[in-house]
C-alpha atoms as a PDB file:
ATOM      1  CA  MET A   1     225.180-138.176  89.679  1.00  0.00           C
ATOM      2  CA  THR A   2     221.771-137.495  91.146  1.00  0.00           C
ATOM      3  CA  ALA A   3     219.911-134.290  90.613  1.00  0.00           C
ATOM      4  CA  LYS A   4     220.425-133.471  94.340  1.00  0.00           C
ATOM      5  CA  THR A   5     224.203-133.902  94.249  1.00  0.00           C
ATOM      6  CA  TYR A   6     224.332-132.006  90.935  1.00  0.00           C
ATOM      7  CA  LEU A   7     222.505-129.051  92.480  1.00  0.00           C
ATOM      8  CA  GLU A   8     224.660-129.135  95.611  1.00  0.00           C
ATOM      9  CA  GLU A   9     227.819-129.200  93.569  1.00  0.00           C
ATOM     10  CA  THR A  10     226.530-126.368  91.351  1.00  0.00           C
ATOM     11  CA  LEU A  11     225.695-124.275  94.412  1.00  0.00           C
ATOM     12  CA  ARG A  12     229.076-124.996  95.999  1.00  0.00           C
ATOM     13  CA  ARG A  13     230.875-123.964  92.799  1.00  0.00           C
ATOM     14  CA  ARG A  14     228.705-120.883  92.500  1.00  0.00           C
ATOM     15  CA  GLN A  15     229.640-119.875  96.031  1.00  0.00           C
ATOM     16  CA  GLU A  16     233.322-120.441  95.352  1.00  0.00           C
ATOM     17  CA  LEU A  17     233.161-118.311  92.210  1.00  0.00           C
ATOM     18  CA  LEU A  18     231.289-115.520  94.084  1.00  0.00           C
ATOM     19  CA  GLU A  19     233.958-115.544  96.823  1.00  0.00           C
ATOM     20  CA  GLU A  20     236.732-115.520  94.255  1.00  0.00           C
ATOM     21  CA  MET A  21     235.062-112.609  92.419  1.00  0.00           C
ATOM     22  CA  GLY A  22     234.789-110.712  95.648  1.00  0.00           C
ATOM     23  CA  ARG A  23     238.583-111.250  96.327  1.00  0.00           C
ATOM     24  CA  MET A  24     239.328-110.110  92.745  1.00  0.00           C
ATOM     25  CA  ALA A  25     237.101-107.085  93.126  1.00  0.00           C
ATOM     26  CA  GLU A  26     238.923-106.027  96.300  1.00  0.00           C
ATOM     27  CA  MET A  27     242.314-106.506  94.563  1.00  0.00           C
ATOM     28  CA  LEU A  28     241.061-104.364  91.734  1.00  0.00           C
ATOM     29  CA  ARG A  29     239.813-101.645  94.111  1.00  0.00           C
ATOM     30  CA  ARG A  30     243.245-101.574  95.770  1.00  0.00           C
ATOM     31  CA  ALA A  31     245.042-101.516  92.474  1.00  0.00           C
ATOM     32  CA  LEU A  32     242.905 -98.647  91.230  1.00  0.00           C
ATOM     33  CA  GLY A  33     243.600 -96.716  94.402  1.00  0.00           C
ATOM     34  CA  VAL A  34     247.339 -97.114  93.921  1.00  0.00           C
ATOM     35  CA  ALA A  35     247.020 -96.193  90.228  1.00  0.00           C
ATOM     36  CA  ASP A  36     245.060 -93.037  91.126  1.00  0.00           C
ATOM     37  CA  SER A  37     247.700 -92.020  93.625  1.00  0.00           C
ATOM     38  CA  GLU A  38     250.511 -92.678  91.149  1.00  0.00           C
ATOM     39  CA  LEU A  39     248.725 -90.795  88.413  1.00  0.00           C
ATOM     40  CA  GLU A  40     248.297 -87.782  90.763  1.00  0.00           C
ATOM     41  CA  ARG A  41     252.000 -87.952  91.597  1.00  0.00           C
ATOM     42  CA  LEU A  42     252.913 -88.152  87.882  1.00  0.00           C
ATOM     43  CA  GLN A  43     250.729 -85.100  87.187  1.00  0.00           C
ATOM     44  CA  GLU A  44     252.528 -83.127  90.001  1.00  0.00           C
ATOM     45  CA  LEU A  45     255.894 -84.104  88.550  1.00  0.00           C
ATOM     46  CA  GLN A  46     254.907 -83.086  85.000  1.00  0.00           C
ATOM     47  CA  GLY A  47     253.664 -79.810  86.303  1.00  0.00           C
ATOM     48  CA  GLY A  48     257.022 -79.225  88.032  1.00  0.00           C
ATOM     49  CA  ILE A  49     258.871 -80.136  84.794  1.00  0.00           C
ATOM     50  CA  LEU A  50     256.741 -77.798  82.791  1.00  0.00           C
ATOM     51  CA  ARG A  51     257.231 -74.928  85.238  1.00  0.00           C
ATOM     52  CA  LEU A  52     260.996 -75.439  85.090  1.00  0.00           C
ATOM     53  CA  VAL A  53     261.073 -75.654  81.307  1.00  0.00           C
ATOM     54  CA  LEU A  54     259.166 -72.411  81.073  1.00  0.00           C
ATOM     55  CA  THR A  55     261.948 -70.578  82.937  1.00  0.00           C
ATOM     56  CA  VAL A  56     264.424 -71.140  80.113  1.00  0.00           C
ATOM     57  CA  PRO A  57     264.758 -67.825  78.307  1.00  0.00           C
ATOM     58  CA  ASP A  58     265.821 -69.041  74.823  1.00  0.00           C
ATOM     59  CA  PRO A  59     262.806 -70.359  72.879  1.00  0.00           C
ATOM     60  CA  MET A  60     264.708 -73.044  70.977  1.00  0.00           C
ATOM     61  CA  GLU A  61     266.452 -74.337  74.121  1.00  0.00           C
ATOM     62  CA  ARG A  62     263.078 -74.303  75.833  1.00  0.00           C
ATOM     63  CA  ARG A  63     261.495 -76.325  73.039  1.00  0.00           C
ATOM     64  CA  VAL A  64     264.321 -78.868  73.030  1.00  0.00           C
ATOM     65  CA  LEU A  65     264.036 -79.218  76.836  1.00  0.00           C
ATOM     66  CA  PHE A  66     260.293 -79.595  76.585  1.00  0.00           C
ATOM     67  CA  HIS A  67     260.410 -82.315  73.963  1.00  0.00           C
ATOM     68  CA  ARG A  68     263.173 -84.184  75.806  1.00  0.00           C
ATOM     69  CA  CYS A  69     262.075 -83.914  79.425  1.00  0.00           C
ATOM     70  CA  TYR A  70     258.308 -83.487  79.215  1.00  0.00           C
ATOM     71  CA  CYS A  71     257.440 -85.542  76.138  1.00  0.00           C
ATOM     72  CA  GLY A  72     260.330 -88.077  76.458  1.00  0.00           C
ATOM     73  CA  MET A  73     261.401 -87.806  72.800  1.00  0.00           C
ATOM     74  CA  SER A  74     264.621 -89.159  71.509  1.00  0.00           C
ATOM     75  CA  TRP A  75     267.337 -86.865  70.117  1.00  0.00           C
ATOM     76  CA  LYS A  76     266.447 -88.051  66.593  1.00  0.00           C
ATOM     77  CA  GLN A  77     262.763 -87.229  67.091  1.00  0.00           C
ATOM     78  CA  ILE A  78     263.590 -83.790  68.545  1.00  0.00           C
ATOM     79  CA  ALA A  79     265.991 -83.031  65.654  1.00  0.00           C
ATOM     80  CA  GLU A  80     263.293 -84.009  63.124  1.00  0.00           C
ATOM     81  CA  LYS A  81     260.549 -82.091  64.913  1.00  0.00           C
ATOM     82  CA  LEU A  82     262.609 -78.875  65.213  1.00  0.00           C
ATOM     83  CA  ASP A  83     264.480 -79.290  61.945  1.00  0.00           C
ATOM     84  CA  ILE A  84     267.895 -79.233  63.556  1.00  0.00           C
ATOM     85  CA  SER A  85     270.713 -81.799  63.844  1.00  0.00           C
ATOM     86  CA  GLU A  86     270.840 -84.214  66.762  1.00  0.00           C
ATOM     87  CA  GLY A  87     274.155 -82.633  67.858  1.00  0.00           C
ATOM     88  CA  SER A  88     272.442 -79.211  67.897  1.00  0.00           C
ATOM     89  CA  ALA A  89     269.553 -80.652  69.903  1.00  0.00           C
ATOM     90  CA  ARG A  90     271.992 -82.037  72.549  1.00  0.00           C
ATOM     91  CA  ARG A  91     273.937 -78.806  72.699  1.00  0.00           C
ATOM     92  CA  ARG A  92     270.759 -76.743  73.146  1.00  0.00           C
ATOM     93  CA  HIS A  93     269.582 -79.165  75.794  1.00  0.00           C
ATOM     94  CA  GLN A  94     272.865 -78.754  77.711  1.00  0.00           C
ATOM     95  CA  ALA A  95     272.603 -74.988  77.395  1.00  0.00           C
ATOM     96  CA  ALA A  96     268.975 -75.096  78.633  1.00  0.00           C
ATOM     97  CA  LEU A  97     269.956 -77.159  81.654  1.00  0.00           C
ATOM     98  CA  LYS A  98     272.359 -74.400  82.681  1.00  0.00           C
ATOM     99  CA  HIS A  99     269.439 -71.927  82.892  1.00  0.00           C
ATOM    100  CA  LEU A 100     267.370 -74.034  85.277  1.00  0.00           C
ATOM    101  CA  ALA A 101     267.045 -73.163  88.882  1.00  0.00           C
ATOM    102  CA  MET A 102     266.089 -76.228  90.878  1.00  0.00           C
ATOM    103  CA  PRO A 103     263.184 -75.845  93.312  1.00  0.00           C
ATOM    104  CA  ASP A 104     265.425 -76.654  96.296  1.00  0.00           C
ATOM    105  CA  GLY A 105     267.839 -73.877  95.343  1.00  0.00           C
ATOM    106  CA  ARG A 106     270.571 -75.987  93.724  1.00  0.00           C
END
């Protein structure tokens, strides 16, 4: 390979890499835009969940509902955290759900 062909090949590959990096950067910008919008939606949903949870009058039911619906904890984790049985956690969760008024009036 001559120096001239080496340089031409190097420049061609450099240009290909720059173009590919540009395409990847655009894909990343789009992905970040989607992620931002999804994160915003998640924050709205979490705010709605928290507002609903706070309407439950019984403190223990409210805590069970918070840990289950807001934190996504398992029945076992909730039972351990609140020092109650899993069955009690489930019963309190059911009772808490009966107190909730859905935003659309249901």
